[in-house]
Amino acid sequence: MKNLFVLPVVALGLLVGTQTMNAQEIASIDSNDATEVVAQEKYIEVAVENLPQPILDAVAKDFAGATITAAGAKEDASEFKLILAKEDGEAMEVYADAEGNWISK
């Protein structure tokens, strides 16, 4: 008689345990699909005086009246991040390569 009680309890325990494992597997698969990895690019601060001349010329030409308030460069100096202050006081962030070509991000 005791075995008749133990067998259904063990079967129920196995059933619940396997359902929980399946739910966890499905949840982990769904969360992995929705995850995006966004790599942040690292820029090293650069003094405005040390920016390449083509970049300074491009800012003067395309953003007349704007002032470079901050600048950063990738470690290999292939790309530069500039913070510009426009005449109306609005700040904007632009990117350029070492030749003064604008990069859209």
C-alpha atoms as a PDB file:
ATOM      1  CA  MET A   1       0.000   0.000   0.000  1.00  0.00           C
ATOM      2  CA  LYS A   2       2.853   2.340   0.840  1.00  0.00           C
ATOM      3  CA  ASN A   3       4.319   1.756  -2.658  1.00  0.00           C
ATOM      4  CA  LEU A   4       1.065   2.865  -4.247  1.00  0.00           C
ATOM      5  CA  PHE A   5       1.424   6.265  -2.562  1.00  0.00           C
ATOM      6  CA  VAL A   6       5.163   6.712  -3.279  1.00  0.00           C
ATOM      7  CA  LEU A   7       4.987   5.871  -6.984  1.00  0.00           C
ATOM      8  CA  PRO A   8       2.548   8.692  -7.953  1.00  0.00           C
ATOM      9  CA  VAL A   9       4.498  11.223  -5.856  1.00  0.00           C
ATOM     10  CA  VAL A  10       7.773  10.286  -7.592  1.00  0.00           C
ATOM     11  CA  ALA A  11       6.094  10.404 -11.015  1.00  0.00           C
ATOM     12  CA  LEU A  12       4.620  13.839 -10.259  1.00  0.00           C
ATOM     13  CA  GLY A  13       8.006  15.078  -9.082  1.00  0.00           C
ATOM     14  CA  LEU A  14       9.691  13.898 -12.288  1.00  0.00           C
ATOM     15  CA  LEU A  15       6.977  15.482 -14.416  1.00  0.00           C
ATOM     16  CA  VAL A  16       7.241  18.866 -12.698  1.00  0.00           C
ATOM     17  CA  GLY A  17      11.044  18.765 -12.774  1.00  0.00           C
ATOM     18  CA  THR A  18      11.233  18.091 -16.511  1.00  0.00           C
ATOM     19  CA  GLN A  19       8.676  20.818 -17.273  1.00  0.00           C
ATOM     20  CA  THR A  20      10.731  23.343 -15.322  1.00  0.00           C
ATOM     21  CA  MET A  21      13.893  22.372 -17.211  1.00  0.00           C
ATOM     22  CA  ASN A  22      12.123  22.741 -20.568  1.00  0.00           C
ATOM     23  CA  ALA A  23      10.785  26.163 -19.594  1.00  0.00           C
ATOM     24  CA  GLN A  24      14.268  27.301 -18.576  1.00  0.00           C
ATOM     25  CA  GLU A  25      15.765  26.104 -21.858  1.00  0.00           C
ATOM     26  CA  ILE A  26      13.110  27.924 -23.873  1.00  0.00           C
ATOM     27  CA  ALA A  27      13.544  31.088 -21.819  1.00  0.00           C
ATOM     28  CA  SER A  28      17.311  31.030 -22.291  1.00  0.00           C
ATOM     29  CA  ILE A  29      16.950  30.526 -26.046  1.00  0.00           C
ATOM     30  CA  ASP A  30      14.499  33.440 -26.326  1.00  0.00           C
ATOM     31  CA  SER A  31      16.660  35.780 -24.267  1.00  0.00           C
ATOM     32  CA  ASN A  32      19.747  34.979 -26.358  1.00  0.00           C
ATOM     33  CA  ASP A  33      17.911  35.792 -29.587  1.00  0.00           C
ATOM     34  CA  ALA A  34      16.863  39.203 -28.339  1.00  0.00           C
ATOM     35  CA  THR A  35      20.268  40.220 -27.020  1.00  0.00           C
ATOM     36  CA  GLU A  36      22.309  42.602 -29.138  1.00  0.00           C
ATOM     37  CA  VAL A  37      25.909  43.345 -28.409  1.00  0.00           C
ATOM     38  CA  VAL A  38      26.741  46.991 -28.911  1.00  0.00           C
ATOM     39  CA  ALA A  39      30.427  47.701 -28.869  1.00  0.00           C
ATOM     40  CA  GLN A  40      31.303  51.155 -27.710  1.00  0.00           C
ATOM     41  CA  GLU A  41      34.142  52.736 -29.530  1.00  0.00           C
ATOM     42  CA  LYS A  42      36.862  54.158 -27.350  1.00  0.00           C
ATOM     43  CA  TYR A  43      38.267  57.597 -28.076  1.00  0.00           C
ATOM     44  CA  ILE A  44      41.311  59.146 -26.461  1.00  0.00           C
ATOM     45  CA  GLU A  45      41.061  62.840 -25.641  1.00  0.00           C
ATOM     46  CA  VAL A  46      43.019  65.042 -28.021  1.00  0.00           C
ATOM     47  CA  ALA A  47      43.822  68.744 -27.694  1.00  0.00           C
ATOM     48  CA  VAL A  48      42.146  70.799 -30.426  1.00  0.00           C
ATOM     49  CA  GLU A  49      45.551  72.215 -31.391  1.00  0.00           C
ATOM     50  CA  ASN A  50      46.761  68.675 -32.146  1.00  0.00           C
ATOM     51  CA  LEU A  51      44.006  67.813 -34.632  1.00  0.00           C
ATOM     52  CA  PRO A  52      45.122  67.207 -38.223  1.00  0.00           C
ATOM     53  CA  GLN A  53      44.840  70.271 -40.449  1.00  0.00           C
ATOM     54  CA  PRO A  54      42.363  68.610 -42.878  1.00  0.00           C
ATOM     55  CA  ILE A  55      39.892  68.211 -40.008  1.00  0.00           C
ATOM     56  CA  LEU A  56      40.263  71.831 -38.939  1.00  0.00           C
ATOM     57  CA  ASP A  57      39.754  72.921 -42.551  1.00  0.00           C
ATOM     58  CA  ALA A  58      36.645  70.728 -42.923  1.00  0.00           C
ATOM     59  CA  VAL A  59      35.091  72.183 -39.750  1.00  0.00           C
ATOM     60  CA  ALA A  60      35.807  75.738 -40.936  1.00  0.00           C
ATOM     61  CA  LYS A  61      34.297  74.980 -44.354  1.00  0.00           C
ATOM     62  CA  ASP A  62      31.241  72.900 -43.430  1.00  0.00           C
ATOM     63  CA  PHE A  63      30.435  74.308 -39.980  1.00  0.00           C
ATOM     64  CA  ALA A  64      31.302  77.992 -40.405  1.00  0.00           C
ATOM     65  CA  GLY A  65      31.102  79.804 -37.088  1.00  0.00           C
ATOM     66  CA  ALA A  66      31.248  76.621 -35.007  1.00  0.00           C
ATOM     67  CA  THR A  67      33.957  76.065 -32.429  1.00  0.00           C
ATOM     68  CA  ILE A  68      35.540  72.735 -31.536  1.00  0.00           C
ATOM     69  CA  THR A  69      35.054  72.411 -27.783  1.00  0.00           C
ATOM     70  CA  ALA A  70      36.371  68.856 -27.367  1.00  0.00           C
ATOM     71  CA  ALA A  71      38.021  66.226 -29.513  1.00  0.00           C
ATOM     72  CA  GLY A  72      38.888  62.573 -29.272  1.00  0.00           C
ATOM     73  CA  ALA A  73      40.643  60.074 -31.508  1.00  0.00           C
ATOM     74  CA  LYS A  74      40.778  56.334 -31.865  1.00  0.00           C
ATOM     75  CA  GLU A  75      44.078  54.815 -30.796  1.00  0.00           C
ATOM     76  CA  ASP A  76      45.237  54.462 -34.411  1.00  0.00           C
ATOM     77  CA  ALA A  77      44.145  58.057 -35.236  1.00  0.00           C
ATOM     78  CA  SER A  78      41.992  56.799 -38.097  1.00  0.00           C
ATOM     79  CA  GLU A  79      38.832  58.434 -36.778  1.00  0.00           C
ATOM     80  CA  PHE A  80      38.115  61.535 -34.749  1.00  0.00           C
ATOM     81  CA  LYS A  81      35.132  62.531 -32.618  1.00  0.00           C
ATOM     82  CA  LEU A  82      34.497  66.261 -32.352  1.00  0.00           C
ATOM     83  CA  ILE A  83      32.133  68.216 -30.119  1.00  0.00           C
ATOM     84  CA  LEU A  84      31.196  71.448 -31.850  1.00  0.00           C
ATOM     85  CA  ALA A  85      29.512  74.490 -30.332  1.00  0.00           C
ATOM     86  CA  LYS A  86      27.434  76.293 -32.946  1.00  0.00           C
ATOM     87  CA  GLU A  87      26.910  80.060 -32.891  1.00  0.00           C
ATOM     88  CA  ASP A  88      23.446  79.630 -31.347  1.00  0.00           C
ATOM     89  CA  GLY A  89      25.002  77.711 -28.419  1.00  0.00           C
ATOM     90  CA  GLU A  90      23.810  74.288 -29.561  1.00  0.00           C
ATOM     91  CA  ALA A  91      26.353  71.491 -29.168  1.00  0.00           C
ATOM     92  CA  MET A  92      26.707  68.739 -31.740  1.00  0.00           C
ATOM     93  CA  GLU A  93      28.819  65.623 -32.113  1.00  0.00           C
ATOM     94  CA  VAL A  94      30.446  64.843 -35.461  1.00  0.00           C
ATOM     95  CA  TYR A  95      32.909  62.226 -36.670  1.00  0.00           C
ATOM     96  CA  ALA A  96      35.643  62.566 -39.278  1.00  0.00           C
ATOM     97  CA  ASP A  97      38.526  60.553 -40.636  1.00  0.00           C
ATOM     98  CA  ALA A  98      42.095  61.847 -40.661  1.00  0.00           C
ATOM     99  CA  GLU A  99      41.601  63.358 -44.152  1.00  0.00           C
ATOM    100  CA  GLY A 100      38.670  65.517 -43.006  1.00  0.00           C
ATOM    101  CA  ASN A 101      35.910  63.379 -44.545  1.00  0.00           C
ATOM    102  CA  TRP A 102      32.732  63.245 -42.451  1.00  0.00           C
ATOM    103  CA  ILE A 103      31.585  59.889 -41.085  1.00  0.00           C
ATOM    104  CA  SER A 104      27.897  59.352 -40.337  1.00  0.00           C
ATOM    105  CA  LYS A 105      26.995  57.333 -37.257  1.00  0.00           C
END
